[in-house]
C-alpha cells in the first residue's frame, strides 16, 4: 500500500468550530473561517498519481453524512479517543492496519500546508522514526510515523503550549530518531488570523473577508 496521509477534520458547525475565535468573531464567522482554511488544506494536500493515499478522520461521530457531503468520495473514519493524543494514536493504528508502511497526520487549520510538506514528511520516514512539524503555539501541525507507537502519546498535556516539547521528550525516552520540519502557524486565535491575514484573505468569500478585516482594523 502507498503511504497514507490522515487529515483530521471537524464538522464546521457554528458554535463548535474554532471556539477560541468565537469571542472575537462570533459563532458563524469562526465556523466559516475554519471551513475556508480546511478546504484549502484539503486541496493543497491532494496527492499526486505516485504520491500517497488519504484517510479523512472526522469528529463528531454523528457528522458522517455532513462530512461526506462536504468532501465527497473520500475515505471517512470517525475519530476515536478521549483526547487528541488518543485520537491520533487510534488513527495511526487504523492506517497501519490497512497496510500503510509510512503514515503522516495533519490538522486542517494550517493555511500554509502543502503537498510538498507531506511528501517531505513521508520521505523522511525512510530514515527517521518520527517526523514532527512544529506549530507556532507549541503544538505541532504534522506528525509522521513508520510504526505504531502508542507510548509516544502518553503523558502529554494536550491542548497546551508544551505539546511539541513533551513529544520530543517522549521520543527521546523511547530512543526514536526525529526529523523536525519547518515551523508553521495554525489558526486558533485572533493573533493567528492577524499574523496570517495576507495568506488568509484570498481564501475567504468577500463578505467574510470584509467582516474579518473590520475586526482586525484593516
N, C-alpha and C. Protein backbone atom coordinates (compact mmCIF):
# COMPACT_ATOMS: atom_id res chain seq x y z
N UNK A 1 0.84 -1.20 0.00
CA UNK A 1 0.00 0.00 0.00
C UNK A 1 0.88 1.25 0.00
N UNK A 2 0.42 2.30 -0.67
CA UNK A 2 1.15 3.55 -0.67
C UNK A 2 1.15 4.17 0.72
N UNK A 3 2.07 5.10 0.98
CA UNK A 3 2.00 5.83 2.25
C UNK A 3 0.64 6.49 2.41
N UNK A 4 0.31 6.83 3.63
CA UNK A 4 -1.01 7.40 3.93
C UNK A 4 -0.87 8.74 4.63
N UNK A 5 -1.67 9.69 4.20
CA UNK A 5 -1.86 10.95 4.92
C UNK A 5 -3.23 10.91 5.57
N UNK A 6 -3.24 11.05 6.88
CA UNK A 6 -4.50 11.19 7.61
C UNK A 6 -4.79 12.66 7.84
N UNK A 7 -5.97 13.12 7.43
CA UNK A 7 -6.37 14.50 7.62
C UNK A 7 -7.44 14.55 8.72
N UNK A 8 -7.16 15.32 9.76
CA UNK A 8 -8.11 15.46 10.86
C UNK A 8 -9.03 16.65 10.56
N UNK A 9 -10.33 16.39 10.55
CA UNK A 9 -11.33 17.41 10.24
C UNK A 9 -12.43 17.43 11.28
N UNK A 10 -12.98 18.60 11.48
CA UNK A 10 -14.10 18.77 12.39
C UNK A 10 -15.27 19.35 11.61
N UNK A 11 -16.47 18.93 11.94
CA UNK A 11 -17.64 19.50 11.27
C UNK A 11 -17.65 21.01 11.50
N UNK A 12 -17.76 21.80 10.43
CA UNK A 12 -17.69 23.26 10.57
C UNK A 12 -19.01 23.86 11.05
N UNK A 13 -19.41 23.48 12.24
CA UNK A 13 -20.70 23.92 12.78
C UNK A 13 -20.53 25.18 13.62
N UNK A 14 -21.37 26.18 13.41
CA UNK A 14 -21.31 27.39 14.24
C UNK A 14 -21.44 27.04 15.72
N UNK A 15 -20.54 27.60 16.51
CA UNK A 15 -20.55 27.34 17.95
C UNK A 15 -19.68 26.18 18.36
N UNK A 16 -19.23 25.37 17.39
CA UNK A 16 -18.42 24.20 17.70
C UNK A 16 -17.04 24.24 17.04
N UNK A 17 -16.90 25.02 15.98
CA UNK A 17 -15.62 25.10 15.27
C UNK A 17 -14.86 26.36 15.67
N UNK A 18 -13.57 26.20 15.91
CA UNK A 18 -12.69 27.33 16.26
C UNK A 18 -13.28 28.14 17.42
N UNK A 19 -13.51 27.46 18.52
CA UNK A 19 -14.19 28.09 19.66
C UNK A 19 -13.39 29.22 20.29
N UNK A 20 -12.05 29.19 20.16
CA UNK A 20 -11.25 30.27 20.74
C UNK A 20 -11.40 31.56 19.95
N UNK A 21 -11.90 31.46 18.73
CA UNK A 21 -12.13 32.65 17.92
C UNK A 21 -13.53 33.22 18.09
N UNK A 22 -14.41 32.46 18.70
CA UNK A 22 -15.81 32.88 18.79
C UNK A 22 -15.99 34.20 19.54
N UNK A 23 -15.28 34.45 20.67
CA UNK A 23 -15.48 35.74 21.35
C UNK A 23 -15.20 36.94 20.45
N UNK A 24 -14.24 36.80 19.55
CA UNK A 24 -13.88 37.92 18.67
C UNK A 24 -14.69 37.95 17.39
N UNK A 25 -15.03 36.77 16.84
CA UNK A 25 -15.64 36.71 15.52
C UNK A 25 -17.11 36.33 15.53
N UNK A 26 -17.54 35.66 16.61
CA UNK A 26 -18.89 35.12 16.63
C UNK A 26 -18.92 33.70 16.10
N UNK A 27 -20.02 32.99 16.41
CA UNK A 27 -20.13 31.58 16.05
C UNK A 27 -20.02 31.35 14.54
N UNK A 28 -20.80 32.10 13.77
CA UNK A 28 -20.89 31.84 12.34
C UNK A 28 -19.58 32.17 11.62
N UNK A 29 -18.99 33.30 11.92
CA UNK A 29 -17.76 33.70 11.22
C UNK A 29 -16.61 32.77 11.57
N UNK A 30 -16.52 32.34 12.81
CA UNK A 30 -15.46 31.41 13.20
C UNK A 30 -15.59 30.10 12.43
N UNK A 31 -16.83 29.61 12.30
CA UNK A 31 -17.06 28.36 11.57
C UNK A 31 -16.77 28.53 10.08
N UNK A 32 -17.15 29.67 9.51
CA UNK A 32 -16.88 29.92 8.09
C UNK A 32 -15.38 30.04 7.83
N UNK A 33 -14.66 30.65 8.75
CA UNK A 33 -13.22 30.75 8.61
C UNK A 33 -12.59 29.36 8.64
N UNK A 34 -13.01 28.53 9.59
CA UNK A 34 -12.47 27.18 9.66
C UNK A 34 -12.78 26.42 8.37
N UNK A 35 -13.99 26.53 7.87
CA UNK A 35 -14.36 25.83 6.64
C UNK A 35 -13.43 26.24 5.49
N UNK A 36 -13.18 27.53 5.37
CA UNK A 36 -12.33 28.03 4.27
C UNK A 36 -10.91 27.49 4.39
N UNK A 37 -10.36 27.51 5.61
CA UNK A 37 -8.99 27.02 5.79
C UNK A 37 -8.93 25.51 5.56
N UNK A 38 -9.91 24.78 6.08
CA UNK A 38 -9.92 23.33 5.90
C UNK A 38 -10.01 22.96 4.43
N UNK A 39 -10.83 23.67 3.67
CA UNK A 39 -10.94 23.39 2.24
C UNK A 39 -9.62 23.67 1.53
N UNK A 40 -8.92 24.69 1.98
CA UNK A 40 -7.61 24.99 1.40
C UNK A 40 -6.61 23.88 1.70
N UNK A 41 -6.60 23.39 2.94
CA UNK A 41 -5.68 22.31 3.32
C UNK A 41 -5.98 21.04 2.52
N UNK A 42 -7.26 20.70 2.38
CA UNK A 42 -7.63 19.50 1.63
C UNK A 42 -7.19 19.62 0.18
N UNK A 43 -7.39 20.79 -0.42
CA UNK A 43 -6.98 20.99 -1.81
C UNK A 43 -5.46 20.97 -1.94
N UNK A 44 -4.76 21.61 -1.01
CA UNK A 44 -3.30 21.73 -1.11
C UNK A 44 -2.58 20.42 -0.86
N UNK A 45 -3.22 19.48 -0.17
CA UNK A 45 -2.58 18.20 0.13
C UNK A 45 -3.12 17.08 -0.74
N UNK A 46 -3.84 17.43 -1.80
CA UNK A 46 -4.35 16.40 -2.71
C UNK A 46 -3.16 15.64 -3.29
N UNK A 47 -3.16 14.31 -3.18
CA UNK A 47 -1.99 13.55 -3.61
C UNK A 47 -1.86 13.50 -5.12
N UNK A 48 -0.62 13.37 -5.57
CA UNK A 48 -0.37 13.14 -6.99
C UNK A 48 -0.53 11.67 -7.31
N UNK A 49 -0.37 11.33 -8.58
CA UNK A 49 -0.62 9.96 -9.03
C UNK A 49 0.32 8.97 -8.35
N UNK A 50 1.55 9.37 -8.08
CA UNK A 50 2.53 8.44 -7.49
C UNK A 50 2.88 8.84 -6.06
N UNK A 51 1.95 9.51 -5.38
CA UNK A 51 2.26 10.02 -4.05
C UNK A 51 1.78 9.15 -2.91
N UNK A 52 0.63 9.46 -2.37
CA UNK A 52 0.14 8.80 -1.16
C UNK A 52 -1.38 8.74 -1.22
N UNK A 53 -1.95 7.93 -0.36
CA UNK A 53 -3.40 7.86 -0.20
C UNK A 53 -3.81 8.72 0.99
N UNK A 54 -5.08 9.08 1.03
CA UNK A 54 -5.58 9.88 2.15
C UNK A 54 -6.72 9.18 2.87
N UNK A 55 -6.73 9.33 4.18
CA UNK A 55 -7.86 8.94 5.02
C UNK A 55 -8.32 10.19 5.76
N UNK A 56 -9.62 10.41 5.82
CA UNK A 56 -10.16 11.58 6.49
C UNK A 56 -10.79 11.14 7.82
N UNK A 57 -10.21 11.63 8.91
CA UNK A 57 -10.68 11.30 10.26
C UNK A 57 -11.50 12.48 10.78
N UNK A 58 -12.74 12.22 11.14
CA UNK A 58 -13.65 13.33 11.44
C UNK A 58 -14.25 13.24 12.84
N UNK A 59 -14.71 14.37 13.30
CA UNK A 59 -15.45 14.49 14.55
C UNK A 59 -16.49 15.59 14.40
N UNK A 60 -17.65 15.49 15.05
CA UNK A 60 -18.13 14.40 15.89
C UNK A 60 -18.60 13.21 15.06
N UNK A 61 -18.75 12.06 15.73
CA UNK A 61 -19.04 10.82 15.03
C UNK A 61 -20.36 10.86 14.27
N UNK A 62 -21.34 11.63 14.77
CA UNK A 62 -22.65 11.66 14.13
C UNK A 62 -22.68 12.56 12.89
N UNK A 63 -21.54 13.16 12.55
CA UNK A 63 -21.49 14.10 11.43
C UNK A 63 -21.08 13.42 10.12
N UNK A 64 -21.12 12.10 10.05
CA UNK A 64 -20.62 11.42 8.86
C UNK A 64 -21.29 11.93 7.58
N UNK A 65 -22.62 11.99 7.56
CA UNK A 65 -23.31 12.42 6.34
C UNK A 65 -22.92 13.84 5.96
N UNK A 66 -22.80 14.69 6.97
CA UNK A 66 -22.38 16.09 6.74
C UNK A 66 -20.99 16.16 6.15
N UNK A 67 -20.07 15.35 6.66
CA UNK A 67 -18.70 15.36 6.17
C UNK A 67 -18.61 14.77 4.76
N UNK A 68 -19.34 13.71 4.52
CA UNK A 68 -19.31 13.09 3.20
C UNK A 68 -19.87 14.04 2.14
N UNK A 69 -20.83 14.86 2.53
CA UNK A 69 -21.36 15.85 1.60
C UNK A 69 -20.36 16.98 1.37
N UNK A 70 -19.57 17.28 2.39
CA UNK A 70 -18.59 18.37 2.29
C UNK A 70 -17.47 17.99 1.32
N UNK A 71 -16.90 16.79 1.49
CA UNK A 71 -15.85 16.31 0.60
C UNK A 71 -16.25 14.92 0.10
N UNK A 72 -17.01 14.87 -0.96
CA UNK A 72 -17.50 13.57 -1.45
C UNK A 72 -16.36 12.69 -1.96
N UNK A 73 -16.59 11.39 -1.85
CA UNK A 73 -15.68 10.43 -2.45
C UNK A 73 -14.43 10.12 -1.65
N UNK A 74 -14.37 10.58 -0.40
CA UNK A 74 -13.20 10.33 0.43
C UNK A 74 -13.44 9.13 1.35
N UNK A 75 -12.37 8.61 1.92
CA UNK A 75 -12.46 7.53 2.90
C UNK A 75 -12.60 8.16 4.28
N UNK A 76 -13.79 8.07 4.86
CA UNK A 76 -14.10 8.75 6.12
C UNK A 76 -14.08 7.77 7.29
N UNK A 77 -13.43 8.17 8.37
CA UNK A 77 -13.33 7.35 9.58
C UNK A 77 -13.56 8.26 10.78
N UNK A 78 -14.45 7.88 11.66
CA UNK A 78 -14.72 8.69 12.85
C UNK A 78 -13.52 8.62 13.79
N UNK A 79 -13.15 9.76 14.35
CA UNK A 79 -12.08 9.79 15.34
C UNK A 79 -12.54 9.08 16.61
N UNK A 80 -11.60 8.37 17.24
CA UNK A 80 -11.90 7.63 18.47
C UNK A 80 -10.85 7.96 19.52
N UNK A 81 -11.30 8.27 20.72
CA UNK A 81 -10.36 8.53 21.81
C UNK A 81 -10.81 9.69 22.67
N UNK A 82 -10.36 9.68 23.92
CA UNK A 82 -10.81 10.66 24.89
C UNK A 82 -10.10 12.00 24.75
N UNK A 83 -8.93 12.03 24.11
CA UNK A 83 -8.21 13.29 23.91
C UNK A 83 -7.51 13.22 22.57
N UNK A 84 -6.86 14.31 22.19
CA UNK A 84 -6.23 14.37 20.87
C UNK A 84 -5.17 13.29 20.70
N UNK A 85 -4.38 13.04 21.73
CA UNK A 85 -3.36 12.01 21.63
C UNK A 85 -3.95 10.64 21.36
N UNK A 86 -5.01 10.30 22.07
CA UNK A 86 -5.67 9.01 21.86
C UNK A 86 -6.28 8.92 20.47
N UNK A 87 -6.81 10.04 19.99
CA UNK A 87 -7.41 10.03 18.65
C UNK A 87 -6.35 9.86 17.56
N UNK A 88 -5.20 10.51 17.75
CA UNK A 88 -4.12 10.32 16.78
C UNK A 88 -3.57 8.91 16.83
N UNK A 89 -3.38 8.37 18.03
CA UNK A 89 -2.88 7.01 18.16
C UNK A 89 -3.82 6.02 17.47
N UNK A 90 -5.11 6.23 17.66
CA UNK A 90 -6.11 5.36 17.02
C UNK A 90 -6.06 5.50 15.50
N UNK A 91 -5.86 6.74 15.02
CA UNK A 91 -5.79 6.96 13.57
C UNK A 91 -4.56 6.27 12.98
N UNK A 92 -3.43 6.35 13.66
CA UNK A 92 -2.24 5.63 13.19
C UNK A 92 -2.51 4.13 13.16
N UNK A 93 -3.15 3.62 14.21
CA UNK A 93 -3.46 2.19 14.25
C UNK A 93 -4.27 1.78 13.02
N UNK A 94 -5.27 2.60 12.68
CA UNK A 94 -6.14 2.28 11.55
C UNK A 94 -5.37 2.30 10.24
N UNK A 95 -4.53 3.31 10.05
CA UNK A 95 -3.77 3.40 8.80
C UNK A 95 -2.79 2.24 8.66
N UNK A 96 -2.10 1.90 9.75
CA UNK A 96 -1.17 0.77 9.68
C UNK A 96 -1.92 -0.54 9.52
N UNK A 97 -3.09 -0.65 10.13
CA UNK A 97 -3.91 -1.86 9.98
C UNK A 97 -4.29 -2.07 8.51
N UNK A 98 -4.46 -0.98 7.80
CA UNK A 98 -4.82 -1.06 6.39
C UNK A 98 -3.63 -1.35 5.48
N UNK A 99 -2.45 -1.44 6.08
CA UNK A 99 -1.29 -1.86 5.31
C UNK A 99 -0.27 -0.79 4.99
N UNK A 100 -0.48 0.43 5.47
CA UNK A 100 0.48 1.50 5.19
C UNK A 100 1.80 1.24 5.92
N UNK A 101 2.90 1.58 5.27
CA UNK A 101 4.21 1.45 5.91
C UNK A 101 4.71 2.76 6.48
N UNK A 102 4.18 3.86 5.97
CA UNK A 102 4.51 5.20 6.47
C UNK A 102 3.22 6.00 6.54
N UNK A 103 3.06 6.72 7.65
CA UNK A 103 1.81 7.45 7.86
C UNK A 103 2.12 8.82 8.44
N UNK A 104 1.48 9.84 7.90
CA UNK A 104 1.53 11.19 8.47
C UNK A 104 0.11 11.64 8.76
N UNK A 105 -0.03 12.43 9.81
CA UNK A 105 -1.32 13.02 10.16
C UNK A 105 -1.15 14.53 10.22
N UNK A 106 -2.11 15.24 9.65
CA UNK A 106 -2.10 16.70 9.70
C UNK A 106 -3.44 17.22 10.22
N UNK A 107 -3.39 18.42 10.78
CA UNK A 107 -4.61 19.13 11.12
C UNK A 107 -5.13 19.85 9.89
N UNK A 108 -6.29 20.49 10.05
CA UNK A 108 -6.93 21.15 8.91
C UNK A 108 -7.05 22.65 9.13
N UNK A 109 -6.12 23.22 9.90
CA UNK A 109 -6.21 24.65 10.18
C UNK A 109 -4.87 25.37 9.96
N UNK A 110 -4.06 24.82 9.04
CA UNK A 110 -2.76 25.42 8.72
C UNK A 110 -2.78 25.86 7.26
N UNK A 111 -3.06 27.12 6.98
CA UNK A 111 -3.24 27.54 5.59
C UNK A 111 -1.99 27.44 4.74
N UNK A 112 -0.81 27.35 5.35
CA UNK A 112 0.43 27.25 4.59
C UNK A 112 0.85 25.83 4.25
N UNK A 113 0.09 24.84 4.67
CA UNK A 113 0.46 23.44 4.44
C UNK A 113 0.34 23.09 2.96
N UNK A 114 1.25 22.24 2.48
CA UNK A 114 1.24 21.88 1.06
C UNK A 114 1.54 20.41 0.86
N UNK A 115 1.33 19.96 -0.37
CA UNK A 115 1.67 18.59 -0.75
C UNK A 115 3.16 18.34 -0.58
N UNK A 116 3.97 19.36 -0.81
CA UNK A 116 5.42 19.21 -0.64
C UNK A 116 5.78 18.91 0.81
N UNK A 117 5.08 19.56 1.77
CA UNK A 117 5.32 19.28 3.18
C UNK A 117 5.04 17.81 3.49
N UNK A 118 3.92 17.34 2.97
CA UNK A 118 3.54 15.94 3.22
C UNK A 118 4.55 15.01 2.58
N UNK A 119 4.94 15.30 1.35
CA UNK A 119 5.92 14.45 0.67
C UNK A 119 7.25 14.40 1.41
N UNK A 120 7.70 15.55 1.91
CA UNK A 120 8.95 15.59 2.68
C UNK A 120 8.83 14.76 3.95
N UNK A 121 7.69 14.90 4.63
CA UNK A 121 7.49 14.15 5.87
C UNK A 121 7.52 12.65 5.62
N UNK A 122 6.78 12.20 4.60
CA UNK A 122 6.73 10.77 4.32
C UNK A 122 8.08 10.25 3.84
N UNK A 123 8.80 11.04 3.03
CA UNK A 123 10.14 10.62 2.59
C UNK A 123 11.10 10.54 3.76
N UNK A 124 10.95 11.44 4.72
CA UNK A 124 11.86 11.47 5.87
C UNK A 124 11.70 10.23 6.74
N UNK A 125 10.55 9.56 6.64
CA UNK A 125 10.34 8.35 7.43
C UNK A 125 11.16 7.17 6.93
N UNK A 126 11.85 7.35 5.80
CA UNK A 126 12.75 6.29 5.34
C UNK A 126 13.92 6.11 6.30
N UNK A 127 14.35 7.21 6.93
CA UNK A 127 15.48 7.10 7.85
C UNK A 127 15.26 7.80 9.18
N UNK A 128 14.00 8.09 9.52
CA UNK A 128 13.65 8.62 10.83
C UNK A 128 12.41 7.89 11.34
N UNK A 129 12.37 7.69 12.65
CA UNK A 129 11.21 7.03 13.25
C UNK A 129 10.01 7.96 13.36
N UNK A 130 10.30 9.23 13.54
CA UNK A 130 9.26 10.22 13.83
C UNK A 130 9.55 11.50 13.08
N UNK A 131 8.52 12.09 12.49
CA UNK A 131 8.62 13.40 11.86
C UNK A 131 7.60 14.32 12.51
N UNK A 132 8.03 15.53 12.88
CA UNK A 132 7.14 16.50 13.50
C UNK A 132 7.23 17.83 12.78
N UNK A 133 6.09 18.45 12.55
CA UNK A 133 6.02 19.80 12.04
C UNK A 133 5.56 20.72 13.16
N UNK A 134 6.47 21.46 13.77
CA UNK A 134 6.09 22.27 14.94
C UNK A 134 5.20 23.46 14.56
N UNK A 135 4.23 23.72 15.42
CA UNK A 135 3.36 24.88 15.26
C UNK A 135 3.84 26.01 16.15
N UNK A 136 3.52 27.21 15.76
CA UNK A 136 3.99 28.40 16.49
C UNK A 136 3.49 28.41 17.94
N UNK A 137 2.35 27.76 18.20
CA UNK A 137 1.75 27.82 19.53
C UNK A 137 2.28 26.76 20.49
N UNK A 138 3.30 26.00 20.07
CA UNK A 138 3.87 24.98 20.95
C UNK A 138 3.35 23.59 20.71
N UNK A 139 2.43 23.45 19.77
CA UNK A 139 1.96 22.12 19.39
C UNK A 139 2.65 21.69 18.11
N UNK A 140 1.97 20.84 17.34
CA UNK A 140 2.51 20.50 16.02
C UNK A 140 1.36 20.33 15.04
N UNK A 141 1.65 20.64 13.77
CA UNK A 141 0.63 20.57 12.72
C UNK A 141 0.73 19.29 11.91
N UNK A 142 1.84 18.57 12.08
CA UNK A 142 2.05 17.31 11.36
C UNK A 142 2.84 16.37 12.24
N UNK A 143 2.47 15.10 12.19
CA UNK A 143 3.24 14.05 12.84
C UNK A 143 3.27 12.85 11.92
N UNK A 144 4.45 12.26 11.76
CA UNK A 144 4.61 11.10 10.91
C UNK A 144 5.31 9.97 11.64
N UNK A 145 4.87 8.74 11.38
CA UNK A 145 5.45 7.55 12.00
C UNK A 145 5.56 6.44 10.96
N UNK A 146 6.46 5.49 11.22
CA UNK A 146 6.57 4.32 10.35
C UNK A 146 6.18 3.03 11.07
N UNK A 147 5.69 3.17 12.31
CA UNK A 147 5.15 2.03 13.04
C UNK A 147 4.25 2.54 14.16
N UNK A 148 3.43 1.66 14.68
CA UNK A 148 2.59 2.02 15.83
C UNK A 148 3.47 2.37 17.02
N UNK A 149 3.16 3.48 17.68
CA UNK A 149 3.91 3.89 18.88
C UNK A 149 2.94 4.52 19.88
N UNK A 150 2.04 3.74 20.45
CA UNK A 150 1.06 4.32 21.38
C UNK A 150 1.71 5.01 22.58
N UNK A 151 2.88 4.55 23.00
CA UNK A 151 3.55 5.17 24.16
C UNK A 151 3.95 6.61 23.88
N UNK A 152 4.12 6.96 22.62
CA UNK A 152 4.51 8.33 22.27
C UNK A 152 3.45 9.34 22.69
N UNK A 153 2.21 8.90 22.76
CA UNK A 153 1.10 9.81 23.03
C UNK A 153 0.67 9.83 24.50
N UNK A 154 1.42 9.14 25.32
CA UNK A 154 1.10 9.07 26.74
C UNK A 154 1.84 10.15 27.52
N UNK A 155 1.22 10.69 28.56
CA UNK A 155 1.88 11.64 29.43
C UNK A 155 2.07 13.01 28.83
N UNK A 156 1.27 13.37 27.83
CA UNK A 156 1.36 14.68 27.18
C UNK A 156 0.13 15.51 27.58
N UNK A 157 0.37 16.75 27.96
CA UNK A 157 -0.73 17.64 28.34
C UNK A 157 -1.32 18.26 27.07
N UNK A 158 -2.27 17.57 26.46
CA UNK A 158 -2.83 18.01 25.19
C UNK A 158 -3.57 19.33 25.34
N UNK A 159 -3.48 20.16 24.30
CA UNK A 159 -4.15 21.45 24.33
C UNK A 159 -3.35 22.53 25.03
N UNK A 160 -2.09 22.27 25.32
CA UNK A 160 -1.24 23.25 25.98
C UNK A 160 -0.08 23.63 25.06
N UNK A 161 0.69 24.61 25.47
CA UNK A 161 1.84 25.06 24.69
C UNK A 161 3.07 24.19 24.85
N UNK A 162 2.95 23.08 25.55
CA UNK A 162 4.10 22.20 25.78
C UNK A 162 4.04 20.91 24.98
N UNK A 163 3.08 20.78 24.07
CA UNK A 163 2.86 19.51 23.38
C UNK A 163 4.07 19.11 22.54
N UNK A 164 4.60 20.04 21.77
CA UNK A 164 5.75 19.71 20.93
C UNK A 164 6.95 19.29 21.77
N UNK A 165 7.26 20.10 22.80
CA UNK A 165 8.41 19.80 23.66
C UNK A 165 8.21 18.47 24.38
N UNK A 166 7.01 18.22 24.87
CA UNK A 166 6.74 16.97 25.58
C UNK A 166 6.85 15.78 24.65
N UNK A 167 6.44 15.95 23.40
CA UNK A 167 6.55 14.85 22.44
C UNK A 167 8.00 14.56 22.12
N UNK A 168 8.82 15.59 22.00
CA UNK A 168 10.25 15.35 21.81
C UNK A 168 10.85 14.61 23.00
N UNK A 169 10.43 14.95 24.20
CA UNK A 169 10.92 14.25 25.39
C UNK A 169 10.50 12.78 25.36
N UNK A 170 9.25 12.53 24.99
CA UNK A 170 8.78 11.15 24.90
C UNK A 170 9.59 10.39 23.84
N UNK A 171 9.85 11.06 22.71
CA UNK A 171 10.61 10.42 21.63
C UNK A 171 12.02 10.07 22.10
N UNK A 172 12.65 10.98 22.83
CA UNK A 172 13.99 10.70 23.35
C UNK A 172 13.97 9.52 24.30
N UNK A 173 12.95 9.47 25.17
CA UNK A 173 12.84 8.38 26.13
C UNK A 173 12.63 7.04 25.43
N UNK A 174 11.99 7.07 24.26
CA UNK A 174 11.71 5.85 23.51
C UNK A 174 12.84 5.51 22.53
N UNK A 175 13.87 6.38 22.48
CA UNK A 175 15.01 6.13 21.60
C UNK A 175 14.71 6.32 20.13
N UNK A 176 13.81 7.25 19.81
CA UNK A 176 13.40 7.46 18.43
C UNK A 176 14.28 8.50 17.73
N UNK A 177 14.54 8.28 16.46
CA UNK A 177 15.18 9.32 15.65
C UNK A 177 14.10 10.24 15.11
N UNK A 178 14.39 11.56 15.11
CA UNK A 178 13.35 12.55 14.84
C UNK A 178 13.79 13.52 13.75
N UNK A 179 12.91 13.80 12.82
CA UNK A 179 13.10 14.87 11.83
C UNK A 179 12.10 15.98 12.14
N UNK A 180 12.58 17.19 12.30
CA UNK A 180 11.72 18.34 12.58
C UNK A 180 11.61 19.19 11.32
N UNK A 181 10.39 19.47 10.91
CA UNK A 181 10.13 20.25 9.72
C UNK A 181 10.07 21.75 10.05
N UNK A 182 9.79 22.54 9.05
CA UNK A 182 9.65 23.98 9.20
C UNK A 182 8.48 24.32 10.12
N UNK A 183 8.68 25.31 10.97
CA UNK A 183 7.60 25.75 11.85
C UNK A 183 6.53 26.49 11.04
N UNK A 184 5.28 26.23 11.38
CA UNK A 184 4.16 26.93 10.73
C UNK A 184 3.16 27.36 11.80
N UNK A 185 2.25 28.20 11.39
CA UNK A 185 1.25 28.72 12.31
C UNK A 185 -0.12 28.13 11.97
N UNK A 186 -0.77 27.54 12.96
CA UNK A 186 -2.16 27.14 12.75
C UNK A 186 -3.07 28.29 13.20
N UNK A 187 -4.33 28.21 12.83
CA UNK A 187 -5.25 29.32 13.06
C UNK A 187 -6.15 28.97 14.24
N UNK A 188 -5.82 29.50 15.40
CA UNK A 188 -6.61 29.25 16.61
C UNK A 188 -7.09 30.54 17.27
N UNK A 189 -6.32 31.61 17.16
CA UNK A 189 -6.62 32.84 17.87
C UNK A 189 -6.68 34.02 16.91
N UNK A 190 -7.16 35.15 17.42
CA UNK A 190 -7.20 36.35 16.59
C UNK A 190 -5.80 36.79 16.22
N UNK A 191 -4.83 36.58 17.09
CA UNK A 191 -3.44 36.88 16.77
C UNK A 191 -2.98 36.07 15.56
N UNK A 192 -3.40 34.79 15.50
CA UNK A 192 -3.05 33.95 14.35
C UNK A 192 -3.67 34.49 13.07
N UNK A 193 -4.94 34.90 13.16
CA UNK A 193 -5.61 35.45 11.99
C UNK A 193 -4.89 36.70 11.50
N UNK A 194 -4.51 37.55 12.44
CA UNK A 194 -3.81 38.78 12.09
C UNK A 194 -2.45 38.47 11.44
N UNK A 195 -1.72 37.53 12.02
CA UNK A 195 -0.39 37.20 11.51
C UNK A 195 -0.44 36.55 10.13
N UNK A 196 -1.51 35.80 9.85
CA UNK A 196 -1.64 35.09 8.59
C UNK A 196 -2.61 35.78 7.63
N UNK A 197 -2.95 37.04 7.90
CA UNK A 197 -4.01 37.69 7.15
C UNK A 197 -3.72 37.73 5.65
N UNK A 198 -2.51 38.03 5.25
CA UNK A 198 -2.21 38.10 3.82
C UNK A 198 -2.43 36.76 3.13
N UNK A 199 -2.20 35.69 3.85
CA UNK A 199 -2.43 34.36 3.29
C UNK A 199 -3.90 33.98 3.36
N UNK A 200 -4.58 34.41 4.43
CA UNK A 200 -5.97 34.03 4.64
C UNK A 200 -6.94 34.78 3.73
N UNK A 201 -6.72 36.06 3.56
CA UNK A 201 -7.73 36.88 2.88
C UNK A 201 -8.15 36.32 1.52
N UNK A 202 -7.22 35.87 0.67
CA UNK A 202 -7.65 35.35 -0.63
C UNK A 202 -8.50 34.08 -0.54
N UNK A 203 -8.49 33.42 0.60
CA UNK A 203 -9.23 32.17 0.76
C UNK A 203 -10.70 32.40 1.12
N UNK A 204 -11.03 33.63 1.53
CA UNK A 204 -12.33 33.92 2.11
C UNK A 204 -13.26 34.55 1.08
N UNK A 205 -14.56 34.28 1.25
CA UNK A 205 -15.52 34.98 0.40
C UNK A 205 -15.54 36.45 0.79
N UNK A 206 -16.05 37.30 -0.09
CA UNK A 206 -15.96 38.74 0.10
C UNK A 206 -16.54 39.24 1.40
N UNK A 207 -17.73 38.74 1.76
CA UNK A 207 -18.39 39.21 2.96
C UNK A 207 -17.59 38.85 4.21
N UNK A 208 -17.09 37.62 4.26
CA UNK A 208 -16.32 37.20 5.43
C UNK A 208 -14.99 37.96 5.49
N UNK A 209 -14.36 38.16 4.35
CA UNK A 209 -13.10 38.91 4.33
C UNK A 209 -13.31 40.32 4.85
N UNK A 210 -14.39 40.97 4.44
CA UNK A 210 -14.68 42.32 4.91
C UNK A 210 -14.97 42.33 6.40
N UNK A 211 -15.72 41.33 6.86
CA UNK A 211 -16.05 41.25 8.28
C UNK A 211 -14.79 41.08 9.13
N UNK A 212 -13.91 40.19 8.70
CA UNK A 212 -12.68 39.96 9.47
C UNK A 212 -11.75 41.15 9.39
N UNK A 213 -11.72 41.81 8.22
CA UNK A 213 -10.87 43.00 8.08
C UNK A 213 -11.30 44.08 9.05
N UNK A 214 -12.60 44.24 9.21
CA UNK A 214 -13.08 45.24 10.19
C UNK A 214 -12.69 44.85 11.60
N UNK A 215 -12.80 43.57 11.91
CA UNK A 215 -12.43 43.09 13.24
C UNK A 215 -10.95 43.34 13.52
N UNK A 216 -10.14 43.15 12.49
CA UNK A 216 -8.69 43.33 12.62
C UNK A 216 -8.27 44.79 12.51
N UNK A 217 -9.19 45.66 12.14
CA UNK A 217 -8.85 47.05 11.94
C UNK A 217 -8.05 47.29 10.69
N UNK A 218 -8.28 46.44 9.66
CA UNK A 218 -7.55 46.58 8.39
C UNK A 218 -8.34 47.43 7.40
